[in-house]
Protein backbone atom coordinates (compact mmCIF):
# COMPACT_ATOMS: atom_id res chain seq x y z
CA MET A 1 97.29 108.14 141.99
CA GLN A 2 95.24 108.99 139.04
CA ASP A 3 94.15 106.16 137.13
CA PRO A 4 94.69 106.37 133.43
CA ASN A 5 91.31 107.57 131.45
CA PRO A 6 90.13 104.24 129.58
CA TYR A 7 88.47 106.76 127.06
CA GLN A 8 91.52 108.37 126.20
CA ALA A 9 92.98 107.85 122.90
CA PRO A 10 95.95 105.85 122.54
CA THR A 11 99.25 108.05 122.05
CA ALA A 12 102.12 106.67 119.71
CA GLN A 13 105.31 108.58 117.78
CA LEU A 14 103.89 108.60 114.30
CA GLN A 15 107.10 108.45 111.78
CA THR A 16 106.60 110.89 108.87
CA ASP A 17 107.77 109.31 105.63
CA ALA A 18 110.64 111.32 104.00
CA VAL A 19 109.54 113.45 101.21
CA GLU A 20 109.42 111.43 98.05
CA GLN A 21 112.16 112.50 95.69
CA LEU A 22 111.00 112.89 91.65
CA ALA A 23 112.33 110.63 88.98
CA GLU A 24 114.88 112.12 87.06
CA ARG A 25 114.10 112.99 83.56
CA GLY A 26 116.44 110.50 81.72
CA THR A 27 115.24 108.00 83.84
CA ARG A 28 111.78 108.36 82.87
CA LEU A 29 112.98 109.06 78.98
CA GLY A 30 114.71 105.74 79.49
CA ALA A 31 111.73 104.04 80.90
CA VAL A 32 109.30 105.00 77.74
CA LEU A 33 111.86 104.04 75.54
CA ILE A 34 111.82 100.18 77.14
CA ASP A 35 108.11 100.23 77.42
CA GLY A 36 108.17 101.45 73.66
CA LEU A 37 110.45 98.40 72.89
CA ILE A 38 108.11 95.94 74.42
CA GLY A 39 105.12 97.44 72.30
CA LEU A 40 107.16 97.25 68.94
CA ALA A 41 108.37 93.24 69.96
CA VAL A 42 104.62 92.35 70.65
CA LEU A 43 102.65 94.54 68.32
CA THR A 44 104.77 94.45 65.17
CA PRO A 45 104.75 90.39 64.78
CA LEU A 46 100.59 91.19 65.24
CA MET A 47 100.52 93.81 62.77
CA TRP A 48 102.10 91.25 60.15
CA LEU A 49 99.88 88.28 61.00
CA GLY A 50 96.99 91.00 61.16
CA GLY A 51 97.83 92.09 57.70
CA TYR A 52 98.24 95.79 58.45
CA TRP A 53 101.78 95.51 57.31
CA SER A 54 100.54 94.19 53.85
CA ALA A 55 97.77 97.23 53.80
CA VAL A 56 100.29 99.86 54.33
CA ILE A 57 102.58 98.24 51.58
CA ASP A 58 99.52 98.19 49.04
CA ALA A 59 98.16 101.44 49.41
CA ALA A 60 101.94 102.88 49.44
CA GLN A 61 102.17 101.39 46.08
CA ARG A 62 98.94 103.15 44.74
CA GLY A 63 100.32 106.62 46.14
CA GLU A 64 97.75 106.73 49.02
CA GLN A 65 97.23 105.86 52.71
CA VAL A 66 95.85 103.71 54.70
CA GLY A 67 92.43 104.77 55.79
CA PHE A 68 91.59 106.37 59.00
CA GLY A 69 89.29 103.23 60.12
CA LEU A 70 92.10 100.80 60.03
CA GLN A 71 94.27 103.00 61.90
CA ALA A 72 91.92 103.57 64.51
CA ILE A 73 91.08 99.60 64.78
CA TRP A 74 95.17 99.04 65.03
CA MET A 75 95.35 101.81 67.53
CA LEU A 76 92.47 100.33 69.76
CA ILE A 77 94.58 97.05 69.68
CA GLY A 78 97.60 98.75 70.35
CA MET A 79 96.08 100.25 73.47
CA LEU A 80 94.91 96.92 74.57
CA ALA A 81 97.93 95.52 74.10
CA PHE A 82 99.76 98.15 76.25
CA ALA A 83 96.85 97.61 78.89
CA ALA A 84 97.45 93.87 78.77
CA ILE A 85 101.64 94.17 78.89
CA HIS A 86 101.51 96.64 81.78
CA ALA A 87 98.07 95.98 83.92
CA TRP A 88 100.05 93.81 86.42
CA PRO A 89 103.14 95.68 87.02
CA LEU A 90 100.80 98.87 87.02
CA HIS A 91 98.40 96.84 89.95
CA VAL A 92 101.54 95.47 91.84
CA GLY A 93 103.51 98.41 92.07
CA GLY A 94 102.43 101.38 89.83
CA GLN A 95 104.91 100.88 87.40
CA THR A 96 105.45 99.65 83.82
CA TRP A 97 108.02 97.20 82.65
CA GLY A 98 110.49 100.25 82.07
CA LYS A 99 109.76 102.04 85.20
CA ARG A 100 110.07 98.68 87.29
CA LEU A 101 113.48 98.17 85.81
CA LEU A 102 114.70 101.84 86.43
CA GLY A 103 113.77 102.04 89.51
CA ILE A 104 110.84 104.48 89.57
CA ARG A 105 106.83 104.24 90.09
CA ILE A 106 103.90 106.30 89.39
CA VAL A 107 101.91 107.94 92.77
CA THR A 108 99.07 110.21 93.25
CA LEU A 109 99.32 113.74 94.31
CA ASP A 110 99.30 112.92 98.04
CA GLY A 111 101.73 109.81 97.42
CA ARG A 112 99.42 106.99 97.60
CA PRO A 113 100.29 104.17 94.92
CA VAL A 114 98.27 104.83 91.64
CA THR A 115 95.63 102.21 90.86
CA ALA A 116 96.40 100.18 87.62
CA LEU A 117 92.43 101.17 86.21
CA ARG A 118 93.75 104.99 87.09
CA ALA A 119 97.02 104.75 85.09
CA ILE A 120 95.73 102.96 82.06
CA PHE A 121 92.57 104.97 81.57
CA ALA A 122 93.51 108.51 83.03
CA ARG A 123 97.08 108.75 82.48
CA TYR A 124 97.55 106.57 79.18
CA PHE A 125 94.86 105.97 77.05
CA PRO A 126 94.06 109.79 76.93
CA LEU A 127 97.29 110.78 75.31
CA GLN A 128 97.24 107.77 73.33
CA ILE A 129 93.86 108.51 71.89
CA VAL A 130 94.78 112.30 71.34
CA GLY A 131 98.01 111.32 69.82
CA GLY A 132 95.77 109.36 67.28
CA ILE A 133 94.57 112.52 65.83
CA PRO A 134 96.19 113.19 62.52
CA CYS A 135 98.53 116.30 62.50
CA LEU A 136 97.12 118.05 65.82
CA GLY A 137 97.97 114.88 67.39
CA ALA A 138 101.79 114.72 67.13
CA LEU A 139 101.72 118.33 68.09
CA VAL A 140 99.43 118.13 71.50
CA VAL A 141 101.57 114.92 72.86
CA LEU A 142 104.93 116.71 71.84
CA GLY A 143 103.76 119.70 74.09
CA SER A 144 102.36 117.12 76.79
CA LEU A 145 106.19 115.69 76.79
CA GLY A 146 107.71 119.18 77.04
CA MET A 147 106.07 119.73 80.30
CA ILE A 148 108.40 117.49 81.89
CA PHE A 149 111.00 120.70 81.68
CA ARG A 150 108.75 121.95 84.58
CA GLN A 151 110.09 122.56 87.89
CA ASP A 152 107.67 119.87 89.27
CA ARG A 153 108.67 117.28 86.21
CA ARG A 154 105.11 116.57 85.22
CA CYS A 155 103.79 116.05 81.90
CA GLY A 156 100.40 116.65 80.57
CA HIS A 157 99.31 113.01 81.26
CA ASP A 158 100.20 113.72 85.05
CA PHE A 159 98.00 116.56 85.10
CA VAL A 160 95.03 114.61 83.91
CA ALA A 161 95.77 112.02 85.57
CA GLY A 162 96.61 113.70 89.05
CA THR A 163 99.87 111.73 89.03
CA ARG A 164 103.77 112.11 89.47
CA VAL A 165 106.13 109.84 88.78
CA VAL A 166 109.12 109.21 91.76
CA ARG A 167 111.70 106.97 92.35
CA ALA A 168 110.93 103.71 93.94
CA ARG A 169 111.86 102.60 97.27
């Protein structure tokens, strides 16, 4: 009778996870719209109280536009508000509130949950910053979002952050 080798690695049957299904394009759009409405609900009163809307109205009455500096400040405030609103659900489950409501989540390319810092600083902020560039920013954002029609359904910000959006389990 042979004694078992005490130095042998233990053996166990490993269960492999089923391949995660990519989130549908319409579901991703719905999540973005929900996130946008949440952002509007938070930022619109802040912009009113902060004097942004008054500055826009005054500039429009003079036939001018609001200065780039004021726009940049409010873009930064908007980015900080986005981070504050979505930091917790991104940390807990790799989801914004809209993604959480619609049952989708952000993962890395190898399927691991995305960290809140990676999602905010590599996935969202770069696109928001580029989007703030007059004229050119809108074209870049449109091109980035149009990439969702690829077979892998990854937008430009997914490529920058090394992420993809899948159905939550």
